[in-house]
Amino acid sequence: MIGLALGVNISLGYYFLFVPLISLSLTLPISISGLGVREGAFVALFRLAGVAQPQAFAIGITVFVLQLTAAIVGGLIYATQGLRATIGRRP
């Protein structure tokens, strides 16, 4: 969906091939939160499919922002539930 929103018209098969490889590259302990590695991997792999460098980079950054947003929202929900449980146990 991100690719389509950014005007990248490639086969869905490329995503099924490249995204797991990119996720695997994030396990390398060479950056904080995979910044730089993710974007470089998106550019390197998606260029093989004919995607322009700026578009591939934009996909990588957008994926990071969406993951970060989901993590923040989830963290806030988790913290709120924990706070409610702690307050509820007080005498």
PDB file of N, CA and C in Angstrom:
ATOM      1  N   MET A   1       0.829  -1.198   0.000  1.00  0.00           N
ATOM      2  CA  MET A   1       0.000   0.000   0.000  1.00  0.00           C
ATOM      3  C   MET A   1       0.868   1.255   0.000  1.00  0.00           C
ATOM      4  N   ILE A   2       1.975   1.200   0.740  1.00  0.00           N
ATOM      5  CA  ILE A   2       2.873   2.355   0.769  1.00  0.00           C
ATOM      6  C   ILE A   2       3.438   2.605  -0.624  1.00  0.00           C
ATOM      7  N   GLY A   3       3.858   1.536  -1.281  1.00  0.00           N
ATOM      8  CA  GLY A   3       4.396   1.676  -2.630  1.00  0.00           C
ATOM      9  C   GLY A   3       3.388   2.274  -3.590  1.00  0.00           C
ATOM     10  N   LEU A   4       2.170   1.806  -3.532  1.00  0.00           N
ATOM     11  CA  LEU A   4       1.132   2.360  -4.406  1.00  0.00           C
ATOM     12  C   LEU A   4       0.866   3.829  -4.099  1.00  0.00           C
ATOM     13  N   ALA A   5       0.865   4.168  -2.820  1.00  0.00           N
ATOM     14  CA  ALA A   5       0.637   5.567  -2.434  1.00  0.00           C
ATOM     15  C   ALA A   5       1.748   6.478  -2.942  1.00  0.00           C
ATOM     16  N   LEU A   6       2.958   5.923  -3.072  1.00  0.00           N
ATOM     17  CA  LEU A   6       4.086   6.716  -3.552  1.00  0.00           C
ATOM     18  C   LEU A   6       4.297   6.586  -5.058  1.00  0.00           C
ATOM     19  N   GLY A   7       3.372   5.921  -5.740  1.00  0.00           N
ATOM     20  CA  GLY A   7       3.429   5.814  -7.193  1.00  0.00           C
ATOM     21  C   GLY A   7       4.373   4.743  -7.715  1.00  0.00           C
ATOM     22  N   VAL A   8       4.697   3.758  -6.885  1.00  0.00           N
ATOM     23  CA  VAL A   8       5.568   2.658  -7.306  1.00  0.00           C
ATOM     24  C   VAL A   8       4.686   1.544  -7.851  1.00  0.00           C
ATOM     25  N   ASN A   9       4.819   1.278  -9.127  1.00  0.00           N
ATOM     26  CA  ASN A   9       3.988   0.258  -9.777  1.00  0.00           C
ATOM     27  C   ASN A   9       4.855  -0.937 -10.157  1.00  0.00           C
ATOM     28  N   ILE A  10       5.070  -1.821  -9.179  1.00  0.00           N
ATOM     29  CA  ILE A  10       5.808  -3.053  -9.439  1.00  0.00           C
ATOM     30  C   ILE A  10       4.957  -4.227  -8.958  1.00  0.00           C
ATOM     31  N   SER A  11       5.346  -5.393  -9.355  1.00  0.00           N
ATOM     32  CA  SER A  11       4.615  -6.601  -8.983  1.00  0.00           C
ATOM     33  C   SER A  11       4.662  -6.824  -7.471  1.00  0.00           C
ATOM     34  N   LEU A  12       3.595  -7.373  -6.942  1.00  0.00           N
ATOM     35  CA  LEU A  12       3.524  -7.688  -5.514  1.00  0.00           C
ATOM     36  C   LEU A  12       4.594  -8.709  -5.117  1.00  0.00           C
ATOM     37  N   GLY A  13       5.002  -9.529  -6.060  1.00  0.00           N
ATOM     38  CA  GLY A  13       6.033 -10.525  -5.798  1.00  0.00           C
ATOM     39  C   GLY A  13       7.347  -9.913  -5.333  1.00  0.00           C
ATOM     40  N   TYR A  14       7.684  -8.739  -5.850  1.00  0.00           N
ATOM     41  CA  TYR A  14       8.902  -8.066  -5.403  1.00  0.00           C
ATOM     42  C   TYR A  14       8.835  -7.742  -3.915  1.00  0.00           C
ATOM     43  N   TYR A  15       7.686  -7.314  -3.458  1.00  0.00           N
ATOM     44  CA  TYR A  15       7.524  -7.003  -2.035  1.00  0.00           C
ATOM     45  C   TYR A  15       7.689  -8.269  -1.189  1.00  0.00           C
ATOM     46  N   PHE A  16       7.080  -9.378  -1.672  1.00  0.00           N
ATOM     47  CA  PHE A  16       7.195 -10.636  -0.931  1.00  0.00           C
ATOM     48  C   PHE A  16       8.633 -11.147  -0.898  1.00  0.00           C
ATOM     49  N   LEU A  17       9.423 -10.784  -1.876  1.00  0.00           N
ATOM     50  CA  LEU A  17      10.820 -11.187  -1.910  1.00  0.00           C
ATOM     51  C   LEU A  17      11.711 -10.226  -1.132  1.00  0.00           C
ATOM     52  N   PHE A  18      11.526  -8.924  -1.326  1.00  0.00           N
ATOM     53  CA  PHE A  18      12.446  -7.938  -0.776  1.00  0.00           C
ATOM     54  C   PHE A  18      12.196  -7.599   0.694  1.00  0.00           C
ATOM     55  N   VAL A  19      10.951  -7.475   1.105  1.00  0.00           N
ATOM     56  CA  VAL A  19      10.663  -7.037   2.473  1.00  0.00           C
ATOM     57  C   VAL A  19      11.206  -8.009   3.527  1.00  0.00           C
ATOM     58  N   PRO A  20      11.070  -9.331   3.362  1.00  0.00           N
ATOM     59  CA  PRO A  20      11.696 -10.218   4.348  1.00  0.00           C
ATOM     60  C   PRO A  20      13.221 -10.085   4.385  1.00  0.00           C
ATOM     61  N   LEU A  21      13.840  -9.889   3.230  1.00  0.00           N
ATOM     62  CA  LEU A  21      15.294  -9.687   3.200  1.00  0.00           C
ATOM     63  C   LEU A  21      15.693  -8.402   3.918  1.00  0.00           C
ATOM     64  N   ILE A  22      14.905  -7.365   3.727  1.00  0.00           N
ATOM     65  CA  ILE A  22      15.171  -6.096   4.397  1.00  0.00           C
ATOM     66  C   ILE A  22      14.978  -6.254   5.902  1.00  0.00           C
ATOM     67  N   SER A  23      13.940  -6.951   6.303  1.00  0.00           N
ATOM     68  CA  SER A  23      13.711  -7.193   7.734  1.00  0.00           C
ATOM     69  C   SER A  23      14.855  -7.981   8.339  1.00  0.00           C
ATOM     70  N   LEU A  24      15.386  -8.922   7.599  1.00  0.00           N
ATOM     71  CA  LEU A  24      16.524  -9.694   8.065  1.00  0.00           C
ATOM     72  C   LEU A  24      17.758  -8.808   8.226  1.00  0.00           C
ATOM     73  N   SER A  25      17.924  -7.857   7.329  1.00  0.00           N
ATOM     74  CA  SER A  25      19.078  -6.953   7.422  1.00  0.00           C
ATOM     75  C   SER A  25      19.018  -6.071   8.664  1.00  0.00           C
ATOM     76  N   LEU A  26      17.828  -5.867   9.200  1.00  0.00           N
ATOM     77  CA  LEU A  26      17.684  -5.025  10.391  1.00  0.00           C
ATOM     78  C   LEU A  26      18.204  -5.698  11.653  1.00  0.00           C
ATOM     79  N   THR A  27      18.459  -6.987  11.582  1.00  0.00           N
ATOM     80  CA  THR A  27      18.990  -7.685  12.749  1.00  0.00           C
ATOM     81  C   THR A  27      20.485  -7.439  12.935  1.00  0.00           C
ATOM     82  N   LEU A  28      21.123  -6.839  11.941  1.00  0.00           N
ATOM     83  CA  LEU A  28      22.544  -6.521  12.066  1.00  0.00           C
ATOM     84  C   LEU A  28      22.733  -5.402  13.090  1.00  0.00           C
ATOM     85  N   PRO A  29      23.622  -5.585  14.043  1.00  0.00           N
ATOM     86  CA  PRO A  29      23.791  -4.569  15.092  1.00  0.00           C
ATOM     87  C   PRO A  29      24.734  -3.440  14.669  1.00  0.00           C
ATOM     88  N   ILE A  30      24.384  -2.760  13.574  1.00  0.00           N
ATOM     89  CA  ILE A  30      25.268  -1.703  13.093  1.00  0.00           C
ATOM     90  C   ILE A  30      24.615  -0.326  13.098  1.00  0.00           C
ATOM     91  N   SER A  31      23.390  -0.230  13.548  1.00  0.00           N
ATOM     92  CA  SER A  31      22.731   1.073  13.614  1.00  0.00           C
ATOM     93  C   SER A  31      21.674   1.054  14.709  1.00  0.00           C
ATOM     94  N   ILE A  32      21.183   2.232  15.041  1.00  0.00           N
ATOM     95  CA  ILE A  32      20.132   2.366  16.045  1.00  0.00           C
ATOM     96  C   ILE A  32      18.786   2.251  15.339  1.00  0.00           C
ATOM     97  N   SER A  33      18.023   1.258  15.723  1.00  0.00           N
ATOM     98  CA  SER A  33      16.690   1.019  15.181  1.00  0.00           C
ATOM     99  C   SER A  33      16.704   0.757  13.675  1.00  0.00           C
ATOM    100  N   GLY A  34      17.841   0.363  13.139  1.00  0.00           N
ATOM    101  CA  GLY A  34      17.922   0.034  11.721  1.00  0.00           C
ATOM    102  C   GLY A  34      17.939   1.225  10.798  1.00  0.00           C
ATOM    103  N   LEU A  35      18.037   2.435  11.360  1.00  0.00           N
ATOM    104  CA  LEU A  35      18.042   3.632  10.512  1.00  0.00           C
ATOM    105  C   LEU A  35      19.264   3.616   9.607  1.00  0.00           C
ATOM    106  N   GLY A  36      19.053   3.884   8.365  1.00  0.00           N
ATOM    107  CA  GLY A  36      20.118   3.863   7.383  1.00  0.00           C
ATOM    108  C   GLY A  36      20.230   2.505   6.718  1.00  0.00           C
ATOM    109  N   VAL A  37      20.240   1.462   7.515  1.00  0.00           N
ATOM    110  CA  VAL A  37      20.312   0.110   6.958  1.00  0.00           C
ATOM    111  C   VAL A  37      19.030  -0.185   6.194  1.00  0.00           C
ATOM    112  N   ARG A  38      17.895   0.115   6.794  1.00  0.00           N
ATOM    113  CA  ARG A  38      16.590  -0.135   6.169  1.00  0.00           C
ATOM    114  C   ARG A  38      16.481   0.627   4.848  1.00  0.00           C
ATOM    115  N   GLU A  39      16.799   1.907   4.897  1.00  0.00           N
ATOM    116  CA  GLU A  39      16.644   2.733   3.712  1.00  0.00           C
ATOM    117  C   GLU A  39      17.621   2.306   2.616  1.00  0.00           C
ATOM    118  N   GLY A  40      18.857   1.990   3.005  1.00  0.00           N
ATOM    119  CA  GLY A  40      19.831   1.520   2.030  1.00  0.00           C
ATOM    120  C   GLY A  40      19.413   0.211   1.393  1.00  0.00           C
ATOM    121  N   ALA A  41      18.847  -0.679   2.197  1.00  0.00           N
ATOM    122  CA  ALA A  41      18.381  -1.959   1.671  1.00  0.00           C
ATOM    123  C   ALA A  41      17.191  -1.757   0.735  1.00  0.00           C
ATOM    124  N   PHE A  42      16.284  -0.869   1.093  1.00  0.00           N
ATOM    125  CA  PHE A  42      15.150  -0.580   0.211  1.00  0.00           C
ATOM    126  C   PHE A  42      15.654  -0.050  -1.121  1.00  0.00           C
ATOM    127  N   VAL A  43      16.592   0.888  -1.083  1.00  0.00           N
ATOM    128  CA  VAL A  43      17.112   1.466  -2.321  1.00  0.00           C
ATOM    129  C   VAL A  43      17.826   0.400  -3.146  1.00  0.00           C
ATOM    130  N   ALA A  44      18.706  -0.371  -2.502  1.00  0.00           N
ATOM    131  CA  ALA A  44      19.488  -1.368  -3.236  1.00  0.00           C
ATOM    132  C   ALA A  44      18.604  -2.436  -3.877  1.00  0.00           C
ATOM    133  N   LEU A  45      17.650  -2.956  -3.122  1.00  0.00           N
ATOM    134  CA  LEU A  45      16.825  -4.041  -3.646  1.00  0.00           C
ATOM    135  C   LEU A  45      15.764  -3.552  -4.629  1.00  0.00           C
ATOM    136  N   PHE A  46      15.089  -2.474  -4.295  1.00  0.00           N
ATOM    137  CA  PHE A  46      14.021  -2.014  -5.172  1.00  0.00           C
ATOM    138  C   PHE A  46      14.551  -1.401  -6.465  1.00  0.00           C
ATOM    139  N   ARG A  47      15.809  -0.969  -6.464  1.00  0.00           N
ATOM    140  CA  ARG A  47      16.411  -0.508  -7.725  1.00  0.00           C
ATOM    141  C   ARG A  47      16.513  -1.666  -8.708  1.00  0.00           C
ATOM    142  N   LEU A  48      16.697  -2.882  -8.192  1.00  0.00           N
ATOM    143  CA  LEU A  48      16.741  -4.063  -9.057  1.00  0.00           C
ATOM    144  C   LEU A  48      15.414  -4.280  -9.770  1.00  0.00           C
ATOM    145  N   ALA A  49      14.332  -3.796  -9.171  1.00  0.00           N
ATOM    146  CA  ALA A  49      12.997  -3.939  -9.764  1.00  0.00           C
ATOM    147  C   ALA A  49      12.627  -2.730 -10.621  1.00  0.00           C
ATOM    148  N   GLY A  50      13.567  -1.777 -10.763  1.00  0.00           N
ATOM    149  CA  GLY A  50      13.314  -0.614 -11.602  1.00  0.00           C
ATOM    150  C   GLY A  50      12.694   0.568 -10.890  1.00  0.00           C
ATOM    151  N   VAL A  51      12.722   0.564  -9.563  1.00  0.00           N
ATOM    152  CA  VAL A  51      12.156   1.681  -8.792  1.00  0.00           C
ATOM    153  C   VAL A  51      13.226   2.760  -8.652  1.00  0.00           C
ATOM    154  N   ALA A  52      12.835   3.999  -8.825  1.00  0.00           N
ATOM    155  CA  ALA A  52      13.767   5.111  -8.692  1.00  0.00           C
ATOM    156  C   ALA A  52      14.258   5.228  -7.246  1.00  0.00           C
ATOM    157  N   GLN A  53      15.487   5.699  -7.088  1.00  0.00           N
ATOM    158  CA  GLN A  53      16.096   5.799  -5.765  1.00  0.00           C
ATOM    159  C   GLN A  53      15.266   6.637  -4.787  1.00  0.00           C
ATOM    160  N   PRO A  54      14.778   7.824  -5.171  1.00  0.00           N
ATOM    161  CA  PRO A  54      13.977   8.598  -4.211  1.00  0.00           C
ATOM    162  C   PRO A  54      12.704   7.886  -3.765  1.00  0.00           C
ATOM    163  N   GLN A  55      12.067   7.157  -4.668  1.00  0.00           N
ATOM    164  CA  GLN A  55      10.856   6.435  -4.300  1.00  0.00           C
ATOM    165  C   GLN A  55      11.169   5.292  -3.347  1.00  0.00           C
ATOM    166  N   ALA A  56      12.233   4.563  -3.623  1.00  0.00           N
ATOM    167  CA  ALA A  56      12.613   3.454  -2.746  1.00  0.00           C
ATOM    168  C   ALA A  56      12.990   3.972  -1.364  1.00  0.00           C
ATOM    169  N   PHE A  57      13.708   5.082  -1.309  1.00  0.00           N
ATOM    170  CA  PHE A  57      14.070   5.691  -0.033  1.00  0.00           C
ATOM    171  C   PHE A  57      12.824   6.138   0.719  1.00  0.00           C
ATOM    172  N   ALA A  58      11.872   6.722  -0.002  1.00  0.00           N
ATOM    173  CA  ALA A  58      10.623   7.181   0.621  1.00  0.00           C
ATOM    174  C   ALA A  58       9.834   6.009   1.200  1.00  0.00           C
ATOM    175  N   ILE A  59       9.841   4.881   0.525  1.00  0.00           N
ATOM    176  CA  ILE A  59       9.158   3.696   1.061  1.00  0.00           C
ATOM    177  C   ILE A  59       9.806   3.296   2.379  1.00  0.00           C
ATOM    178  N   GLY A  60      11.130   3.257   2.414  1.00  0.00           N
ATOM    179  CA  GLY A  60      11.848   2.879   3.635  1.00  0.00           C
ATOM    180  C   GLY A  60      11.560   3.812   4.801  1.00  0.00           C
ATOM    181  N   ILE A  61      11.589   5.110   4.548  1.00  0.00           N
ATOM    182  CA  ILE A  61      11.310   6.085   5.613  1.00  0.00           C
ATOM    183  C   ILE A  61       9.865   5.975   6.071  1.00  0.00           C
ATOM    184  N   THR A  62       8.941   5.799   5.138  1.00  0.00           N
ATOM    185  CA  THR A  62       7.524   5.686   5.499  1.00  0.00           C
ATOM    186  C   THR A  62       7.266   4.443   6.336  1.00  0.00           C
ATOM    187  N   VAL A  63       7.903   3.342   5.985  1.00  0.00           N
ATOM    188  CA  VAL A  63       7.770   2.121   6.790  1.00  0.00           C
ATOM    189  C   VAL A  63       8.257   2.385   8.212  1.00  0.00           C
ATOM    190  N   PHE A  64       9.398   3.060   8.349  1.00  0.00           N
ATOM    191  CA  PHE A  64       9.933   3.361   9.681  1.00  0.00           C
ATOM    192  C   PHE A  64       8.980   4.247  10.479  1.00  0.00           C
ATOM    193  N   VAL A  65       8.457   5.280   9.858  1.00  0.00           N
ATOM    194  CA  VAL A  65       7.550   6.201  10.557  1.00  0.00           C
ATOM    195  C   VAL A  65       6.278   5.477  10.995  1.00  0.00           C
ATOM    196  N   LEU A  66       5.734   4.627  10.144  1.00  0.00           N
ATOM    197  CA  LEU A  66       4.527   3.884  10.519  1.00  0.00           C
ATOM    198  C   LEU A  66       4.799   2.896  11.651  1.00  0.00           C
ATOM    199  N   GLN A  67       5.941   2.227  11.612  1.00  0.00           N
ATOM    200  CA  GLN A  67       6.293   1.307  12.694  1.00  0.00           C
ATOM    201  C   GLN A  67       6.509   2.064  13.999  1.00  0.00           C
ATOM    202  N   LEU A  68       7.171   3.202  13.931  1.00  0.00           N
ATOM    203  CA  LEU A  68       7.409   4.013  15.123  1.00  0.00           C
ATOM    204  C   LEU A  68       6.089   4.527  15.701  1.00  0.00           C
ATOM    205  N   THR A  69       5.201   4.979  14.846  1.00  0.00           N
ATOM    206  CA  THR A  69       3.896   5.464  15.302  1.00  0.00           C
ATOM    207  C   THR A  69       3.103   4.352  15.979  1.00  0.00           C
ATOM    208  N   ALA A  70       3.091   3.176  15.377  1.00  0.00           N
ATOM    209  CA  ALA A  70       2.374   2.042  15.974  1.00  0.00           C
ATOM    210  C   ALA A  70       2.991   1.662  17.320  1.00  0.00           C
ATOM    211  N   ALA A  71       4.310   1.705  17.422  1.00  0.00           N
ATOM    212  CA  ALA A  71       4.977   1.366  18.677  1.00  0.00           C
ATOM    213  C   ALA A  71       4.655   2.387  19.771  1.00  0.00           C
ATOM    214  N   ILE A  72       4.614   3.654  19.415  1.00  0.00           N
ATOM    215  CA  ILE A  72       4.294   4.690  20.397  1.00  0.00           C
ATOM    216  C   ILE A  72       2.858   4.542  20.884  1.00  0.00           C
ATOM    217  N   VAL A  73       1.938   4.332  19.961  1.00  0.00           N
ATOM    218  CA  VAL A  73       0.535   4.149  20.350  1.00  0.00           C
ATOM    219  C   VAL A  73       0.389   2.908  21.232  1.00  0.00           C
ATOM    220  N   GLY A  74       1.014   1.816  20.837  1.00  0.00           N
ATOM    221  CA  GLY A  74       0.957   0.600  21.639  1.00  0.00           C
ATOM    222  C   GLY A  74       1.580   0.789  23.016  1.00  0.00           C
ATOM    223  N   GLY A  75       2.684   1.515  23.076  1.00  0.00           N
ATOM    224  CA  GLY A  75       3.332   1.795  24.360  1.00  0.00           C
ATOM    225  C   GLY A  75       2.455   2.627  25.271  1.00  0.00           C
ATOM    226  N   LEU A  76       1.784   3.613  24.693  1.00  0.00           N
ATOM    227  CA  LEU A  76       0.876   4.450  25.495  1.00  0.00           C
ATOM    228  C   LEU A  76      -0.298   3.630  26.027  1.00  0.00           C
ATOM    229  N   ILE A  77      -0.850   2.768  25.195  1.00  0.00           N
ATOM    230  CA  ILE A  77      -1.946   1.903  25.645  1.00  0.00           C
ATOM    231  C   ILE A  77      -1.462   0.975  26.750  1.00  0.00           C
ATOM    232  N   TYR A  78      -0.298   0.383  26.573  1.00  0.00           N
ATOM    233  CA  TYR A  78       0.275  -0.518  27.569  1.00  0.00           C
ATOM    234  C   TYR A  78       0.517   0.219  28.887  1.00  0.00           C
ATOM    235  N   ALA A  79       1.082   1.414  28.812  1.00  0.00           N
ATOM    236  CA  ALA A  79       1.352   2.182  30.025  1.00  0.00           C
ATOM    237  C   ALA A  79       0.058   2.592  30.717  1.00  0.00           C
ATOM    238  N   THR A  80      -0.939   2.974  29.946  1.00  0.00           N
ATOM    239  CA  THR A  80      -2.223   3.369  30.521  1.00  0.00           C
ATOM    240  C   THR A  80      -2.884   2.197  31.226  1.00  0.00           C
ATOM    241  N   GLN A  81      -2.856   1.027  30.615  1.00  0.00           N
ATOM    242  CA  GLN A  81      -3.450  -0.153  31.241  1.00  0.00           C
ATOM    243  C   GLN A  81      -2.711  -0.526  32.521  1.00  0.00           C
ATOM    244  N   GLY A  82      -1.399  -0.428  32.497  1.00  0.00           N
ATOM    245  CA  GLY A  82      -0.609  -0.725  33.692  1.00  0.00           C
ATOM    246  C   GLY A  82      -0.887   0.264  34.805  1.00  0.00           C
ATOM    247  N   LEU A  83      -1.037   1.529  34.463  1.00  0.00           N
ATOM    248  CA  LEU A  83      -1.346   2.556  35.453  1.00  0.00           C
ATOM    249  C   LEU A  83      -2.728   2.331  36.050  1.00  0.00           C
ATOM    250  N   ARG A  84      -3.690   1.982  35.197  1.00  0.00           N
ATOM    251  CA  ARG A  84      -5.035   1.710  35.706  1.00  0.00           C
ATOM    252  C   ARG A  84      -5.029   0.517  36.655  1.00  0.00           C
ATOM    253  N   ALA A  85      -4.288  -0.514  36.306  1.00  0.00           N
ATOM    254  CA  ALA A  85      -4.221  -1.708  37.161  1.00  0.00           C
ATOM    255  C   ALA A  85      -3.558  -1.374  38.490  1.00  0.00           C
ATOM    256  N   THR A  86      -2.527  -0.545  38.464  1.00  0.00           N
ATOM    257  CA  THR A  86      -1.842  -0.159  39.695  1.00  0.00           C
ATOM    258  C   THR A  86      -2.734   0.687  40.581  1.00  0.00           C
ATOM    259  N   ILE A  87      -3.435   1.606  40.010  1.00  0.00           N
ATOM    260  CA  ILE A  87      -4.330   2.471  40.786  1.00  0.00           C
ATOM    261  C   ILE A  87      -5.494   1.652  41.339  1.00  0.00           C
ATOM    262  N   GLY A  88      -5.989   0.701  40.562  1.00  0.00           N
ATOM    263  CA  GLY A  88      -7.112  -0.124  40.989  1.00  0.00           C
ATOM    264  C   GLY A  88      -6.770  -1.042  42.163  1.00  0.00           C
ATOM    265  N   ARG A  89      -5.494  -1.366  42.369  1.00  0.00           N
ATOM    266  CA  ARG A  89      -5.089  -2.265  43.439  1.00  0.00           C
ATOM    267  C   ARG A  89      -4.837  -1.538  44.743  1.00  0.00           C
ATOM    268  N   ARG A  90      -4.788  -0.249  44.728  1.00  0.00           N
ATOM    269  CA  ARG A  90      -4.532   0.494  45.964  1.00  0.00           C
ATOM    270  C   ARG A  90      -5.728   0.414  46.898  1.00  0.00           C
ATOM    271  N   PRO A  91      -5.440   0.314  48.208  1.00  0.00           N
ATOM    272  CA  PRO A  91      -6.557   0.226  49.171  1.00  0.00           C
ATOM    273  C   PRO A  91      -7.273   1.523  49.367  1.00  0.00           C
TER     274      PRO A  91
END
